[in-house]
């Protein structure tokens, strides 16, 4: 099969955001439970990774989302927004069976095109400090750690991340 990505379009927003949320349920529980704990995973899924939240990202907050596919099978997603002098990569998640197969690079190519079209110098993201696998992927994609980023996300949960940047 052929692996490819396509942007979520408003004409199929309901179906695509449902697919995004279904992927989130699988990927987050599988990948992040050991890293940040089941309670924080469930909190983040309920508050930031629902079809409604991602639909609002697109319709109200200026986000763009992409879905990755292997043929017709959804395998991952990416979400980002333009902010002043940067593209902020908020979400990039890939099913475990597709990691290491170039899916993140396909998403990054979409972001680099957007960065160029928007005329901004930087793409930035945050990544959990204990997420060595993702940090290594981002470094291979040209990102460097530029700062610590700690954010209270409510209910007693904190994101303890690195800010990474690619110019």
N, C-alpha and C. Protein backbone atom coordinates (compact mmCIF):
# COMPACT_ATOMS: atom_id res chain seq x y z
N UNK A 1 0.84 -1.18 0.00
CA UNK A 1 0.00 0.00 0.00
C UNK A 1 0.88 1.24 0.00
N UNK A 2 0.26 2.36 -0.28
CA UNK A 2 0.96 3.62 -0.36
C UNK A 2 0.66 4.47 0.87
N UNK A 3 1.70 4.95 1.53
CA UNK A 3 1.54 5.83 2.68
C UNK A 3 1.53 7.27 2.16
N UNK A 4 0.53 8.04 2.61
CA UNK A 4 0.42 9.43 2.19
C UNK A 4 -0.29 10.21 3.28
N UNK A 5 -0.26 11.54 3.16
CA UNK A 5 -0.99 12.41 4.07
C UNK A 5 -1.87 13.33 3.24
N UNK A 6 -2.98 13.73 3.87
CA UNK A 6 -3.84 14.74 3.25
C UNK A 6 -4.37 15.65 4.34
N UNK A 7 -4.62 16.89 3.96
CA UNK A 7 -5.13 17.85 4.92
C UNK A 7 -6.61 17.62 5.19
N UNK A 8 -7.00 17.84 6.43
CA UNK A 8 -8.41 17.81 6.80
C UNK A 8 -9.07 19.03 6.16
N UNK A 9 -10.17 18.79 5.49
CA UNK A 9 -10.91 19.86 4.82
C UNK A 9 -12.24 20.09 5.52
N UNK A 10 -12.70 21.32 5.48
CA UNK A 10 -13.98 21.64 6.14
C UNK A 10 -15.13 20.83 5.56
N UNK A 11 -15.04 20.45 4.30
CA UNK A 11 -16.13 19.70 3.67
C UNK A 11 -16.29 18.31 4.26
N UNK A 12 -15.25 17.80 4.92
CA UNK A 12 -15.35 16.50 5.57
C UNK A 12 -14.93 16.57 7.04
N UNK A 13 -15.17 17.72 7.63
CA UNK A 13 -14.70 18.00 8.99
C UNK A 13 -15.23 16.99 10.01
N UNK A 14 -16.50 16.69 9.99
CA UNK A 14 -17.07 15.79 11.00
C UNK A 14 -16.45 14.40 10.92
N UNK A 15 -16.35 13.86 9.71
CA UNK A 15 -15.75 12.52 9.56
C UNK A 15 -14.27 12.53 9.92
N UNK A 16 -13.55 13.54 9.43
CA UNK A 16 -12.12 13.58 9.69
C UNK A 16 -11.79 13.80 11.15
N UNK A 17 -12.52 14.68 11.84
CA UNK A 17 -12.21 14.90 13.26
C UNK A 17 -12.59 13.67 14.09
N UNK A 18 -13.59 12.93 13.66
CA UNK A 18 -13.91 11.67 14.33
C UNK A 18 -12.73 10.69 14.16
N UNK A 19 -12.17 10.64 12.96
CA UNK A 19 -11.01 9.78 12.70
C UNK A 19 -9.81 10.23 13.54
N UNK A 20 -9.58 11.54 13.63
CA UNK A 20 -8.49 12.06 14.46
C UNK A 20 -8.65 11.60 15.91
N UNK A 21 -9.86 11.74 16.44
CA UNK A 21 -10.11 11.36 17.84
C UNK A 21 -9.96 9.86 18.05
N UNK A 22 -10.40 9.06 17.08
CA UNK A 22 -10.23 7.61 17.20
C UNK A 22 -8.75 7.22 17.22
N UNK A 23 -7.96 7.85 16.36
CA UNK A 23 -6.52 7.60 16.38
C UNK A 23 -5.92 8.01 17.72
N UNK A 24 -6.34 9.17 18.23
CA UNK A 24 -5.82 9.66 19.52
C UNK A 24 -6.07 8.65 20.62
N UNK A 25 -7.26 8.07 20.66
CA UNK A 25 -7.60 7.11 21.71
C UNK A 25 -6.61 5.94 21.71
N UNK A 26 -6.27 5.45 20.55
CA UNK A 26 -5.35 4.31 20.43
C UNK A 26 -3.93 4.73 20.75
N UNK A 27 -3.46 5.77 20.06
CA UNK A 27 -2.05 6.18 20.17
C UNK A 27 -1.72 6.66 21.58
N UNK A 28 -2.56 7.52 22.14
CA UNK A 28 -2.26 8.07 23.45
C UNK A 28 -2.21 6.99 24.53
N UNK A 29 -3.17 6.11 24.54
CA UNK A 29 -3.18 5.08 25.58
C UNK A 29 -1.98 4.15 25.44
N UNK A 30 -1.66 3.81 24.21
CA UNK A 30 -0.56 2.89 23.96
C UNK A 30 0.81 3.52 24.27
N UNK A 31 0.99 4.76 23.86
CA UNK A 31 2.32 5.36 23.91
C UNK A 31 2.59 6.15 25.20
N UNK A 32 1.60 6.86 25.69
CA UNK A 32 1.86 7.82 26.76
C UNK A 32 1.52 7.34 28.17
N UNK A 33 0.79 6.25 28.31
CA UNK A 33 0.38 5.81 29.65
C UNK A 33 1.59 5.57 30.55
N UNK A 34 2.58 4.85 30.06
CA UNK A 34 3.78 4.60 30.88
C UNK A 34 4.57 5.88 31.14
N UNK A 35 4.50 6.84 30.23
CA UNK A 35 5.29 8.06 30.34
C UNK A 35 4.69 9.07 31.32
N UNK A 36 3.38 9.30 31.23
CA UNK A 36 2.76 10.35 32.04
C UNK A 36 1.66 9.84 32.96
N UNK A 37 1.31 8.58 32.85
CA UNK A 37 0.29 7.99 33.71
C UNK A 37 -1.09 7.99 33.07
N UNK A 38 -1.87 6.98 33.43
CA UNK A 38 -3.19 6.79 32.84
C UNK A 38 -4.13 7.96 33.13
N UNK A 39 -4.06 8.53 34.33
CA UNK A 39 -4.97 9.62 34.67
C UNK A 39 -4.74 10.84 33.78
N UNK A 40 -3.48 11.20 33.56
CA UNK A 40 -3.20 12.36 32.71
C UNK A 40 -3.53 12.05 31.25
N UNK A 41 -3.29 10.82 30.81
CA UNK A 41 -3.66 10.45 29.43
C UNK A 41 -5.16 10.62 29.25
N UNK A 42 -5.95 10.11 30.17
CA UNK A 42 -7.41 10.21 30.04
C UNK A 42 -7.87 11.67 30.10
N UNK A 43 -7.24 12.47 30.94
CA UNK A 43 -7.56 13.90 31.02
C UNK A 43 -7.27 14.59 29.69
N UNK A 44 -6.12 14.31 29.13
CA UNK A 44 -5.75 14.96 27.87
C UNK A 44 -6.63 14.49 26.72
N UNK A 45 -6.96 13.20 26.70
CA UNK A 45 -7.87 12.70 25.66
C UNK A 45 -9.23 13.39 25.76
N UNK A 46 -9.73 13.53 26.97
CA UNK A 46 -11.06 14.12 27.17
C UNK A 46 -11.11 15.61 26.91
N UNK A 47 -9.97 16.30 27.07
CA UNK A 47 -9.97 17.75 26.96
C UNK A 47 -9.33 18.31 25.70
N UNK A 48 -8.42 17.58 25.09
CA UNK A 48 -7.68 18.14 23.96
C UNK A 48 -7.71 17.28 22.70
N UNK A 49 -8.13 16.03 22.81
CA UNK A 49 -8.03 15.11 21.68
C UNK A 49 -9.39 14.57 21.24
N UNK A 50 -10.46 15.30 21.50
CA UNK A 50 -11.78 14.88 21.06
C UNK A 50 -12.07 15.44 19.67
N UNK A 51 -13.05 14.86 19.00
CA UNK A 51 -13.47 15.39 17.69
C UNK A 51 -13.94 16.84 17.85
N UNK A 52 -14.64 17.13 18.93
CA UNK A 52 -15.14 18.49 19.14
C UNK A 52 -13.99 19.47 19.36
N UNK A 53 -13.01 19.09 20.15
CA UNK A 53 -11.87 19.98 20.42
C UNK A 53 -11.07 20.24 19.14
N UNK A 54 -10.85 19.20 18.36
CA UNK A 54 -10.06 19.39 17.14
C UNK A 54 -10.86 20.13 16.07
N UNK A 55 -12.16 19.93 16.04
CA UNK A 55 -13.01 20.71 15.13
C UNK A 55 -12.95 22.19 15.50
N UNK A 56 -13.01 22.49 16.80
CA UNK A 56 -12.90 23.89 17.25
C UNK A 56 -11.51 24.45 16.93
N UNK A 57 -10.47 23.63 17.05
CA UNK A 57 -9.14 24.08 16.65
C UNK A 57 -9.17 24.61 15.21
N UNK A 58 -9.83 23.87 14.34
CA UNK A 58 -9.86 24.21 12.92
C UNK A 58 -10.77 25.40 12.65
N UNK A 59 -11.98 25.36 13.19
CA UNK A 59 -12.97 26.37 12.85
C UNK A 59 -12.83 27.67 13.63
N UNK A 60 -12.24 27.60 14.83
CA UNK A 60 -12.18 28.79 15.68
C UNK A 60 -10.77 29.29 15.97
N UNK A 61 -9.77 28.41 15.86
CA UNK A 61 -8.42 28.77 16.31
C UNK A 61 -7.39 28.80 15.19
N UNK A 62 -7.79 28.55 13.97
CA UNK A 62 -6.87 28.64 12.84
C UNK A 62 -5.92 27.48 12.67
N UNK A 63 -6.20 26.36 13.31
CA UNK A 63 -5.35 25.18 13.15
C UNK A 63 -5.56 24.55 11.78
N UNK A 64 -4.53 23.85 11.35
CA UNK A 64 -4.63 22.96 10.21
C UNK A 64 -4.24 21.57 10.70
N UNK A 65 -4.96 20.56 10.22
CA UNK A 65 -4.69 19.17 10.58
C UNK A 65 -4.47 18.36 9.31
N UNK A 66 -3.62 17.35 9.44
CA UNK A 66 -3.39 16.39 8.37
C UNK A 66 -3.59 14.99 8.93
N UNK A 67 -4.12 14.12 8.11
CA UNK A 67 -4.26 12.71 8.43
C UNK A 67 -3.28 11.92 7.57
N UNK A 68 -2.65 10.91 8.18
CA UNK A 68 -1.79 10.00 7.43
C UNK A 68 -2.55 8.71 7.17
N UNK A 69 -2.30 8.13 6.00
CA UNK A 69 -2.99 6.91 5.59
C UNK A 69 -2.02 5.91 4.99
N UNK A 70 -2.36 4.65 5.16
CA UNK A 70 -1.75 3.57 4.39
C UNK A 70 -2.89 3.02 3.55
N UNK A 71 -2.94 3.41 2.29
CA UNK A 71 -4.11 3.12 1.47
C UNK A 71 -5.29 3.90 2.02
N UNK A 72 -6.30 3.19 2.51
CA UNK A 72 -7.48 3.83 3.10
C UNK A 72 -7.46 3.77 4.63
N UNK A 73 -6.40 3.18 5.21
CA UNK A 73 -6.34 2.98 6.66
C UNK A 73 -5.66 4.17 7.33
N UNK A 74 -6.34 4.87 8.25
CA UNK A 74 -5.71 5.98 8.96
C UNK A 74 -4.60 5.47 9.88
N UNK A 75 -3.44 6.16 9.85
CA UNK A 75 -2.28 5.69 10.61
C UNK A 75 -1.66 6.75 11.51
N UNK A 76 -2.11 8.00 11.40
CA UNK A 76 -1.54 9.05 12.23
C UNK A 76 -2.12 10.40 11.87
N UNK A 77 -1.75 11.40 12.67
CA UNK A 77 -2.23 12.75 12.40
C UNK A 77 -1.28 13.80 12.94
N UNK A 78 -1.49 15.00 12.44
CA UNK A 78 -0.64 16.13 12.77
C UNK A 78 -1.54 17.37 12.82
N UNK A 79 -1.30 18.26 13.77
CA UNK A 79 -2.04 19.51 13.87
C UNK A 79 -1.12 20.65 14.24
N UNK A 80 -1.31 21.80 13.60
CA UNK A 80 -0.43 22.94 13.85
C UNK A 80 -1.20 24.24 13.60
N UNK A 81 -0.64 25.31 14.11
CA UNK A 81 -1.23 26.64 13.91
C UNK A 81 -0.12 27.66 13.65
N UNK A 82 -0.47 28.69 12.90
CA UNK A 82 0.47 29.79 12.64
C UNK A 82 0.32 30.81 13.76
N UNK A 83 1.45 31.21 14.34
CA UNK A 83 1.46 32.19 15.43
C UNK A 83 2.58 33.19 15.16
N UNK A 84 2.24 34.42 14.89
CA UNK A 84 3.22 35.48 14.69
C UNK A 84 4.35 35.04 13.75
N UNK A 85 5.49 34.71 14.32
CA UNK A 85 6.67 34.40 13.49
C UNK A 85 7.01 32.91 13.50
N UNK A 86 6.00 32.07 13.74
CA UNK A 86 6.29 30.64 13.74
C UNK A 86 5.05 29.83 13.37
N UNK A 87 5.32 28.60 12.97
CA UNK A 87 4.29 27.57 12.92
C UNK A 87 4.49 26.77 14.20
N UNK A 88 3.43 26.60 14.98
CA UNK A 88 3.53 25.80 16.20
C UNK A 88 2.90 24.44 15.95
N UNK A 89 3.73 23.41 16.00
CA UNK A 89 3.30 22.03 15.83
C UNK A 89 2.76 21.53 17.16
N UNK A 90 1.45 21.40 17.24
CA UNK A 90 0.80 21.03 18.48
C UNK A 90 0.67 19.51 18.64
N UNK A 91 0.47 18.81 17.52
CA UNK A 91 0.21 17.38 17.58
C UNK A 91 0.88 16.68 16.40
N UNK A 92 1.58 15.61 16.68
CA UNK A 92 2.09 14.72 15.64
C UNK A 92 2.16 13.33 16.26
N UNK A 93 1.25 12.47 15.83
CA UNK A 93 1.11 11.15 16.43
C UNK A 93 0.95 10.10 15.33
N UNK A 94 1.65 8.98 15.50
CA UNK A 94 1.63 7.91 14.51
C UNK A 94 1.44 6.57 15.24
N UNK A 95 0.59 5.71 14.67
CA UNK A 95 0.41 4.37 15.24
C UNK A 95 1.75 3.66 15.35
N UNK A 96 1.91 2.87 16.39
CA UNK A 96 3.20 2.21 16.66
C UNK A 96 3.67 1.36 15.49
N UNK A 97 2.77 0.70 14.80
CA UNK A 97 3.17 -0.17 13.69
C UNK A 97 3.67 0.61 12.48
N UNK A 98 3.53 1.93 12.49
CA UNK A 98 4.00 2.75 11.37
C UNK A 98 5.15 3.67 11.74
N UNK A 99 5.59 3.63 12.98
CA UNK A 99 6.73 4.48 13.37
C UNK A 99 8.00 3.96 12.69
N UNK A 100 8.84 4.88 12.29
CA UNK A 100 10.09 4.51 11.62
C UNK A 100 9.91 4.26 10.13
N UNK A 101 8.75 4.61 9.59
CA UNK A 101 8.47 4.36 8.17
C UNK A 101 8.30 5.65 7.38
N UNK A 102 8.74 6.78 7.95
CA UNK A 102 8.73 8.04 7.21
C UNK A 102 7.46 8.85 7.30
N UNK A 103 6.52 8.45 8.14
CA UNK A 103 5.26 9.17 8.24
C UNK A 103 5.49 10.57 8.82
N UNK A 104 6.30 10.68 9.86
CA UNK A 104 6.58 11.99 10.46
C UNK A 104 7.22 12.93 9.43
N UNK A 105 8.07 12.39 8.58
CA UNK A 105 8.70 13.21 7.54
C UNK A 105 7.66 13.73 6.55
N UNK A 106 6.67 12.91 6.21
CA UNK A 106 5.61 13.37 5.32
C UNK A 106 4.84 14.52 5.96
N UNK A 107 4.51 14.39 7.25
CA UNK A 107 3.85 15.49 7.94
C UNK A 107 4.75 16.73 7.95
N UNK A 108 6.03 16.53 8.23
CA UNK A 108 6.95 17.66 8.29
C UNK A 108 7.04 18.38 6.95
N UNK A 109 6.99 17.63 5.85
CA UNK A 109 7.02 18.27 4.53
C UNK A 109 5.83 19.21 4.35
N UNK A 110 4.66 18.82 4.86
CA UNK A 110 3.49 19.69 4.79
C UNK A 110 3.72 20.96 5.61
N UNK A 111 4.31 20.81 6.78
CA UNK A 111 4.58 21.96 7.64
C UNK A 111 5.62 22.88 7.03
N UNK A 112 6.64 22.31 6.41
CA UNK A 112 7.67 23.13 5.77
C UNK A 112 7.11 23.93 4.60
N UNK A 113 6.21 23.33 3.85
CA UNK A 113 5.55 24.05 2.76
C UNK A 113 4.72 25.20 3.33
N UNK A 114 3.97 24.93 4.40
CA UNK A 114 3.17 25.97 5.04
C UNK A 114 4.07 27.08 5.57
N UNK A 115 5.16 26.70 6.21
CA UNK A 115 6.11 27.68 6.75
C UNK A 115 6.61 28.61 5.64
N UNK A 116 6.97 28.02 4.54
CA UNK A 116 7.46 28.81 3.41
C UNK A 116 6.37 29.72 2.86
N UNK A 117 5.17 29.16 2.66
CA UNK A 117 4.06 29.95 2.12
C UNK A 117 3.67 31.08 3.06
N UNK A 118 3.75 30.84 4.37
CA UNK A 118 3.39 31.85 5.36
C UNK A 118 4.51 32.87 5.58
N UNK A 119 5.70 32.56 5.10
CA UNK A 119 6.83 33.48 5.25
C UNK A 119 7.31 33.62 6.68
N UNK A 120 7.18 32.56 7.47
CA UNK A 120 7.66 32.59 8.85
C UNK A 120 8.98 31.82 8.93
N UNK A 121 9.86 32.21 9.84
CA UNK A 121 11.19 31.60 9.87
C UNK A 121 11.31 30.28 10.65
N UNK A 122 10.29 29.94 11.45
CA UNK A 122 10.50 28.87 12.43
C UNK A 122 9.29 27.95 12.55
N UNK A 123 9.58 26.68 12.81
CA UNK A 123 8.57 25.74 13.29
C UNK A 123 9.01 25.36 14.70
N UNK A 124 8.08 25.42 15.65
CA UNK A 124 8.39 25.03 17.02
C UNK A 124 7.37 24.01 17.51
N UNK A 125 7.77 23.26 18.53
CA UNK A 125 6.92 22.25 19.14
C UNK A 125 7.38 22.04 20.57
N UNK A 126 6.52 21.39 21.33
CA UNK A 126 6.91 20.96 22.67
C UNK A 126 6.85 19.44 22.70
N UNK A 127 7.76 18.85 23.46
CA UNK A 127 7.83 17.40 23.58
C UNK A 127 8.19 17.05 25.03
N UNK A 128 7.52 16.05 25.57
CA UNK A 128 7.76 15.63 26.95
C UNK A 128 9.25 15.31 27.14
N UNK A 129 9.81 15.78 28.23
CA UNK A 129 11.24 15.60 28.49
C UNK A 129 11.65 14.13 28.54
N UNK A 130 10.75 13.24 28.91
CA UNK A 130 11.07 11.82 28.97
C UNK A 130 10.80 11.07 27.68
N UNK A 131 10.37 11.77 26.64
CA UNK A 131 10.01 11.14 25.39
C UNK A 131 11.22 11.06 24.45
N UNK A 132 12.17 10.21 24.83
CA UNK A 132 13.43 10.14 24.10
C UNK A 132 13.25 9.74 22.64
N UNK A 133 12.32 8.86 22.37
CA UNK A 133 12.08 8.41 21.00
C UNK A 133 11.64 9.58 20.11
N UNK A 134 10.68 10.36 20.58
CA UNK A 134 10.20 11.49 19.78
C UNK A 134 11.26 12.59 19.68
N UNK A 135 11.98 12.84 20.75
CA UNK A 135 13.06 13.83 20.70
C UNK A 135 14.06 13.45 19.61
N UNK A 136 14.43 12.19 19.54
CA UNK A 136 15.37 11.72 18.51
C UNK A 136 14.80 11.91 17.11
N UNK A 137 13.51 11.62 16.93
CA UNK A 137 12.87 11.82 15.61
C UNK A 137 12.92 13.30 15.24
N UNK A 138 12.54 14.17 16.17
CA UNK A 138 12.55 15.60 15.88
C UNK A 138 13.96 16.10 15.58
N UNK A 139 14.95 15.59 16.30
CA UNK A 139 16.33 16.00 16.00
C UNK A 139 16.73 15.56 14.59
N UNK A 140 16.32 14.36 14.17
CA UNK A 140 16.60 13.91 12.80
C UNK A 140 15.89 14.78 11.77
N UNK A 141 14.76 15.37 12.17
CA UNK A 141 14.01 16.26 11.28
C UNK A 141 14.51 17.70 11.34
N UNK A 142 15.60 17.94 12.06
CA UNK A 142 16.23 19.26 12.05
C UNK A 142 15.90 20.16 13.23
N UNK A 143 15.24 19.64 14.25
CA UNK A 143 14.89 20.44 15.42
C UNK A 143 15.98 20.37 16.47
N UNK A 144 16.09 21.44 17.26
CA UNK A 144 16.99 21.46 18.41
C UNK A 144 16.21 21.93 19.63
N UNK A 145 16.63 21.47 20.80
CA UNK A 145 16.03 21.91 22.05
C UNK A 145 16.51 23.32 22.33
N UNK A 146 15.54 24.24 22.57
CA UNK A 146 15.90 25.62 22.82
C UNK A 146 15.50 26.12 24.20
N UNK A 147 14.63 25.36 24.90
CA UNK A 147 14.18 25.84 26.21
C UNK A 147 13.41 24.74 26.93
N UNK A 148 13.23 24.93 28.24
CA UNK A 148 12.30 24.11 29.02
C UNK A 148 10.94 24.78 28.93
N UNK A 149 9.89 23.97 28.97
CA UNK A 149 8.54 24.50 28.84
C UNK A 149 7.65 23.72 29.79
N UNK A 150 7.23 24.37 30.87
CA UNK A 150 6.37 23.73 31.86
C UNK A 150 5.05 24.49 31.88
N UNK A 151 3.94 23.74 31.74
CA UNK A 151 2.63 24.38 31.68
C UNK A 151 1.62 23.60 32.50
N UNK A 152 0.91 24.32 33.35
CA UNK A 152 -0.20 23.74 34.10
C UNK A 152 -1.37 23.60 33.13
N UNK A 153 -1.90 22.39 32.98
CA UNK A 153 -3.00 22.17 32.04
C UNK A 153 -4.32 21.89 32.77
N UNK A 154 -4.32 22.09 34.08
CA UNK A 154 -5.56 21.93 34.85
C UNK A 154 -5.65 20.60 35.57
N UNK A 155 -6.55 20.55 36.53
CA UNK A 155 -6.83 19.33 37.30
C UNK A 155 -5.59 18.77 37.99
N UNK A 156 -4.59 19.63 38.24
CA UNK A 156 -3.35 19.19 38.90
C UNK A 156 -2.33 18.59 37.96
N UNK A 157 -2.60 18.59 36.65
CA UNK A 157 -1.67 18.02 35.67
C UNK A 157 -0.78 19.11 35.09
N UNK A 158 0.48 18.73 34.83
CA UNK A 158 1.47 19.65 34.30
C UNK A 158 2.15 18.99 33.11
N UNK A 159 2.36 19.78 32.07
CA UNK A 159 3.18 19.32 30.96
C UNK A 159 4.60 19.79 31.23
N UNK A 160 5.54 18.87 31.32
CA UNK A 160 6.94 19.16 31.60
C UNK A 160 7.72 18.81 30.34
N UNK A 161 7.88 19.80 29.47
CA UNK A 161 8.36 19.58 28.11
C UNK A 161 9.63 20.36 27.81
N UNK A 162 10.21 20.00 26.67
CA UNK A 162 11.21 20.84 26.01
C UNK A 162 10.52 21.58 24.90
N UNK A 163 10.96 22.80 24.65
CA UNK A 163 10.58 23.55 23.46
C UNK A 163 11.66 23.26 22.42
N UNK A 164 11.24 22.78 21.26
CA UNK A 164 12.19 22.49 20.18
C UNK A 164 11.87 23.40 19.00
N UNK A 165 12.90 23.73 18.24
CA UNK A 165 12.74 24.70 17.16
C UNK A 165 13.53 24.27 15.92
N UNK A 166 12.96 24.57 14.78
CA UNK A 166 13.64 24.37 13.49
C UNK A 166 13.47 25.66 12.70
N UNK A 167 14.59 26.25 12.31
CA UNK A 167 14.53 27.47 11.52
C UNK A 167 14.80 27.16 10.06
